[in-house]
C-alpha atoms as a PDB file:
ATOM      1  CA  MET A   1     -26.149  10.786  37.923  1.00  0.00           C
ATOM      2  CA  LEU A   2     -28.712  11.565  40.587  1.00  0.00           C
ATOM      3  CA  PRO A   3     -31.958   9.678  40.381  1.00  0.00           C
ATOM      4  CA  GLY A   4     -35.125  11.503  39.627  1.00  0.00           C
ATOM      5  CA  ASP A   5     -36.540  13.879  37.042  1.00  0.00           C
ATOM      6  CA  VAL A   6     -34.898  17.032  35.671  1.00  0.00           C
ATOM      7  CA  LYS A   7     -36.892  20.239  35.667  1.00  0.00           C
ATOM      8  CA  SER A   8     -35.657  22.869  33.139  1.00  0.00           C
ATOM      9  CA  TYR A   9     -35.662  26.516  34.001  1.00  0.00           C
ATOM     10  CA  MET A  10     -35.203  28.666  30.894  1.00  0.00           C
ATOM     11  CA  SER A  11     -33.434  32.044  30.725  1.00  0.00           C
ATOM     12  CA  CYS A  12     -35.121  35.349  30.078  1.00  0.00           C
ATOM     13  CA  ASP A  13     -35.335  36.648  26.486  1.00  0.00           C
ATOM     14  CA  ILE A  14     -36.296  40.252  27.119  1.00  0.00           C
ATOM     15  CA  LEU A  15     -34.455  43.286  28.610  1.00  0.00           C
ATOM     16  CA  SER A  16     -37.582  45.217  29.621  1.00  0.00           C
ATOM     17  CA  ASN A  17     -41.378  44.781  29.842  1.00  0.00           C
ATOM     18  CA  SER A  18     -42.024  47.995  27.959  1.00  0.00           C
ATOM     19  CA  ASN A  19     -41.887  48.436  24.190  1.00  0.00           C
ATOM     20  CA  ASP A  20     -39.383  51.352  24.469  1.00  0.00           C
ATOM     21  CA  CYS A  21     -36.104  50.131  25.971  1.00  0.00           C
ATOM     22  CA  GLY A  22     -34.260  53.471  25.701  1.00  0.00           C
ATOM     23  CA  PRO A  23     -30.729  52.978  24.348  1.00  0.00           C
ATOM     24  CA  PHE A  24     -31.443  49.303  23.791  1.00  0.00           C
ATOM     25  CA  SER A  25     -34.423  49.868  21.552  1.00  0.00           C
ATOM     26  CA  ASP A  26     -32.505  49.203  18.274  1.00  0.00           C
ATOM     27  CA  MET A  27     -30.985  45.932  19.623  1.00  0.00           C
ATOM     28  CA  GLU A  28     -32.540  42.491  19.369  1.00  0.00           C
ATOM     29  CA  PRO A  29     -32.576  41.415  23.024  1.00  0.00           C
ATOM     30  CA  PRO A  30     -32.916  37.603  22.466  1.00  0.00           C
ATOM     31  CA  LYS A  31     -30.070  37.679  19.992  1.00  0.00           C
ATOM     32  CA  LEU A  32     -27.827  39.626  22.454  1.00  0.00           C
ATOM     33  CA  LEU A  33     -28.756  37.550  25.462  1.00  0.00           C
ATOM     34  CA  HIS A  34     -28.206  34.248  23.594  1.00  0.00           C
ATOM     35  CA  SER A  35     -24.830  35.378  22.247  1.00  0.00           C
ATOM     36  CA  LEU A  36     -23.426  35.498  25.831  1.00  0.00           C
ATOM     37  CA  LYS A  37     -21.379  32.450  26.441  1.00  0.00           C
ATOM     38  CA  ILE A  38     -19.787  31.708  29.837  1.00  0.00           C
ATOM     39  CA  TYR A  39     -17.339  28.849  30.311  1.00  0.00           C
ATOM     40  CA  LYS A  40     -18.840  25.816  32.025  1.00  0.00           C
ATOM     41  CA  LEU A  41     -22.284  27.495  32.465  1.00  0.00           C
ATOM     42  CA  PRO A  42     -25.170  26.051  30.482  1.00  0.00           C
ATOM     43  CA  ASN A  43     -26.640  28.392  27.873  1.00  0.00           C
ATOM     44  CA  HIS A  44     -30.242  29.506  28.361  1.00  0.00           C
ATOM     45  CA  CYS A  45     -31.226  26.616  30.601  1.00  0.00           C
ATOM     46  CA  LEU A  46     -30.710  25.379  34.104  1.00  0.00           C
ATOM     47  CA  ASP A  47     -31.481  21.693  34.708  1.00  0.00           C
ATOM     48  CA  PRO A  48     -31.257  20.910  38.458  1.00  0.00           C
ATOM     49  CA  LYS A  49     -32.450  17.731  40.212  1.00  0.00           C
ATOM     50  CA  VAL A  50     -33.723  17.183  43.697  1.00  0.00           C
ATOM     51  CA  GLY A  51     -30.623  16.428  45.781  1.00  0.00           C
ATOM     52  CA  GLY A  52     -28.320  18.325  43.487  1.00  0.00           C
ATOM     53  CA  LEU A  53     -25.953  21.070  44.572  1.00  0.00           C
ATOM     54  CA  VAL A  54     -26.489  24.650  43.404  1.00  0.00           C
ATOM     55  CA  ILE A  55     -24.366  27.716  44.042  1.00  0.00           C
ATOM     56  CA  LEU A  56     -25.810  31.256  44.295  1.00  0.00           C
ATOM     57  CA  LEU A  57     -24.204  33.617  41.698  1.00  0.00           C
ATOM     58  CA  ARG A  58     -25.610  36.779  43.247  1.00  0.00           C
ATOM     59  CA  ASN A  59     -26.684  38.184  46.634  1.00  0.00           C
ATOM     60  CA  LEU A  60     -30.311  37.517  47.311  1.00  0.00           C
ATOM     61  CA  ASN A  61     -30.700  38.316  51.034  1.00  0.00           C
ATOM     62  CA  GLN A  62     -27.522  38.983  53.003  1.00  0.00           C
ATOM     63  CA  SER A  63     -29.382  39.181  56.304  1.00  0.00           C
ATOM     64  CA  ILE A  64     -30.239  35.474  56.204  1.00  0.00           C
ATOM     65  CA  GLY A  65     -26.962  34.437  54.525  1.00  0.00           C
ATOM     66  CA  LEU A  66     -28.075  34.100  50.910  1.00  0.00           C
ATOM     67  CA  CYS A  67     -24.924  35.608  49.451  1.00  0.00           C
ATOM     68  CA  ASN A  68     -22.752  34.957  46.374  1.00  0.00           C
ATOM     69  CA  ASP A  69     -21.143  31.522  46.504  1.00  0.00           C
ATOM     70  CA  THR A  70     -23.577  30.090  49.066  1.00  0.00           C
ATOM     71  CA  ARG A  71     -24.026  26.370  48.501  1.00  0.00           C
ATOM     72  CA  LEU A  72     -27.516  24.817  48.651  1.00  0.00           C
ATOM     73  CA  ILE A  73     -29.009  21.393  48.062  1.00  0.00           C
ATOM     74  CA  VAL A  74     -32.248  21.377  46.080  1.00  0.00           C
ATOM     75  CA  SER A  75     -35.113  19.743  47.986  1.00  0.00           C
ATOM     76  CA  GLU A  76     -38.107  20.721  45.825  1.00  0.00           C
ATOM     77  CA  MET A  77     -38.630  22.362  42.411  1.00  0.00           C
ATOM     78  CA  ARG A  78     -41.778  24.274  41.511  1.00  0.00           C
ATOM     79  CA  ASP A  79     -42.661  26.368  38.403  1.00  0.00           C
ATOM     80  CA  ARG A  80     -41.252  29.672  39.638  1.00  0.00           C
ATOM     81  CA  LEU A  81     -39.528  28.604  42.849  1.00  0.00           C
ATOM     82  CA  ILE A  82     -36.759  26.337  44.078  1.00  0.00           C
ATOM     83  CA  GLU A  83     -36.805  25.163  47.674  1.00  0.00           C
ATOM     84  CA  ALA A  84     -33.315  24.332  48.979  1.00  0.00           C
ATOM     85  CA  LYS A  85     -31.357  23.600  52.136  1.00  0.00           C
ATOM     86  CA  VAL A  86     -28.326  25.665  53.016  1.00  0.00           C
ATOM     87  CA  ILE A  87     -24.918  23.960  53.361  1.00  0.00           C
ATOM     88  CA  TYR A  88     -23.139  26.392  55.617  1.00  0.00           C
ATOM     89  CA  VAL A  89     -21.572  25.945  59.045  1.00  0.00           C
ATOM     90  CA  SER A  90     -23.916  28.316  60.962  1.00  0.00           C
ATOM     91  CA  LYS A  91     -27.053  27.642  58.926  1.00  0.00           C
ATOM     92  CA  VAL A  92     -26.935  23.925  58.091  1.00  0.00           C
ATOM     93  CA  GLU A  93     -30.242  22.374  57.057  1.00  0.00           C
ATOM     94  CA  GLU A  94     -32.096  25.744  57.027  1.00  0.00           C
ATOM     95  CA  THR A  95     -34.640  25.670  54.243  1.00  0.00           C
ATOM     96  CA  VAL A  96     -34.840  28.709  51.952  1.00  0.00           C
ATOM     97  CA  LEU A  97     -36.929  29.577  48.924  1.00  0.00           C
ATOM     98  CA  ILE A  98     -35.282  30.932  45.770  1.00  0.00           C
ATOM     99  CA  PRO A  99     -37.695  32.777  43.443  1.00  0.00           C
ATOM    100  CA  ARG A 100     -37.367  33.230  39.744  1.00  0.00           C
ATOM    101  CA  MET A 101     -35.520  36.521  39.071  1.00  0.00           C
ATOM    102  CA  ASP A 102     -36.928  39.062  36.623  1.00  0.00           C
END
Protein backbone atom coordinates (compact mmCIF):
# COMPACT_ATOMS: atom_id res chain seq x y z
CA MET A 1 0.00 0.00 0.00
CA LEU A 2 3.06 2.24 -0.12
CA PRO A 3 3.24 4.63 -3.06
CA GLY A 4 6.01 4.11 -5.59
CA ASP A 5 7.41 1.43 -7.83
CA VAL A 6 8.32 -2.12 -6.85
CA LYS A 7 11.76 -3.47 -7.77
CA SER A 8 12.00 -7.26 -7.96
CA TYR A 9 15.08 -9.10 -6.70
CA MET A 10 15.13 -12.70 -7.91
CA SER A 11 16.66 -15.63 -6.02
CA CYS A 12 19.71 -17.56 -7.14
CA ASP A 13 19.25 -20.67 -9.30
CA ILE A 14 22.68 -22.26 -8.94
CA LEU A 15 24.60 -23.91 -6.07
CA SER A 16 28.09 -23.29 -7.44
CA ASN A 17 29.84 -21.39 -10.21
CA SER A 18 31.80 -24.47 -11.22
CA ASN A 19 30.49 -27.29 -13.43
CA ASP A 20 31.44 -29.93 -10.83
CA CYS A 21 29.39 -29.43 -7.66
CA GLY A 22 30.80 -32.48 -5.86
CA PRO A 23 28.04 -34.43 -4.10
CA PHE A 24 25.43 -32.13 -5.66
CA SER A 25 26.49 -32.83 -9.27
CA ASP A 26 23.63 -35.29 -9.90
CA MET A 27 20.97 -32.91 -8.53
CA GLU A 28 19.14 -30.25 -10.51
CA PRO A 29 19.89 -27.10 -8.46
CA PRO A 30 17.03 -24.90 -9.78
CA LYS A 31 14.50 -27.66 -9.15
CA LEU A 32 15.84 -28.21 -5.62
CA LEU A 33 16.00 -24.50 -4.78
CA HIS A 34 12.52 -23.80 -6.18
CA SER A 35 11.02 -26.69 -4.20
CA LEU A 36 11.87 -24.99 -0.87
CA LYS A 37 8.71 -23.40 0.50
CA ILE A 38 8.81 -21.27 3.65
CA TYR A 39 5.57 -20.12 5.26
CA LYS A 40 4.84 -16.40 4.66
CA LEU A 41 8.05 -15.91 2.65
CA PRO A 42 7.74 -15.16 -1.07
CA ASN A 43 9.12 -17.82 -3.38
CA HIS A 44 12.09 -16.82 -5.59
CA CYS A 45 11.36 -13.10 -5.50
CA LEU A 46 11.64 -10.17 -3.10
CA ASP A 47 9.58 -7.08 -4.00
CA PRO A 48 10.50 -4.19 -1.66
CA LYS A 49 9.44 -0.56 -2.07
CA VAL A 50 11.15 2.61 -0.92
CA GLY A 51 9.84 3.30 2.59
CA GLY A 52 9.05 -0.37 3.21
CA LEU A 53 10.27 -2.34 6.21
CA VAL A 54 12.75 -5.20 5.77
CA ILE A 55 14.17 -7.57 8.38
CA LEU A 56 17.59 -9.20 8.06
CA LEU A 57 17.46 -13.00 8.10
CA ARG A 58 21.21 -13.47 8.64
CA ASN A 59 24.18 -11.74 10.22
CA LEU A 60 25.88 -9.44 7.71
CA ASN A 61 28.24 -7.38 9.90
CA GLN A 62 27.91 -7.75 13.66
CA SER A 63 30.43 -4.98 14.40
CA ILE A 64 28.07 -2.34 12.97
CA GLY A 65 24.88 -4.00 14.21
CA LEU A 66 23.68 -5.76 11.04
CA CYS A 67 22.56 -8.94 12.78
CA ASN A 68 19.69 -11.38 12.41
CA ASP A 69 16.30 -9.69 13.05
CA THR A 70 17.60 -6.13 12.54
CA ARG A 71 14.83 -3.93 11.14
CA LEU A 72 15.54 -1.48 8.32
CA ILE A 73 13.57 0.97 6.19
CA VAL A 74 14.43 0.88 2.47
CA SER A 75 15.61 4.29 1.23
CA GLU A 76 16.97 3.41 -2.23
CA MET A 77 17.07 0.32 -4.46
CA ARG A 78 19.78 -0.35 -7.02
CA ASP A 79 20.47 -3.35 -9.26
CA ARG A 80 22.70 -5.24 -6.80
CA LEU A 81 22.35 -3.13 -3.67
CA ILE A 82 19.71 -1.91 -1.24
CA GLU A 83 20.33 1.26 0.74
CA ALA A 84 18.41 1.30 4.02
CA LYS A 85 18.17 3.10 7.36
CA VAL A 86 18.46 1.15 10.61
CA ILE A 87 15.53 1.21 13.03
CA TYR A 88 17.34 0.41 16.27
CA VAL A 89 17.60 2.35 19.51
CA SER A 90 21.36 3.02 19.43
CA LYS A 91 21.71 3.29 15.62
CA VAL A 92 18.53 5.09 14.52
CA GLU A 93 18.71 6.67 11.05
CA GLU A 94 22.17 5.21 10.29
CA THR A 95 22.33 4.42 6.57
CA VAL A 96 23.69 1.01 5.56
CA LEU A 97 24.23 -0.74 2.25
CA ILE A 98 23.04 -4.33 1.79
CA PRO A 99 24.70 -6.08 -1.16
CA ARG A 100 23.26 -8.97 -3.15
CA MET A 101 24.44 -12.22 -1.56
CA ASP A 102 26.09 -14.95 -3.66
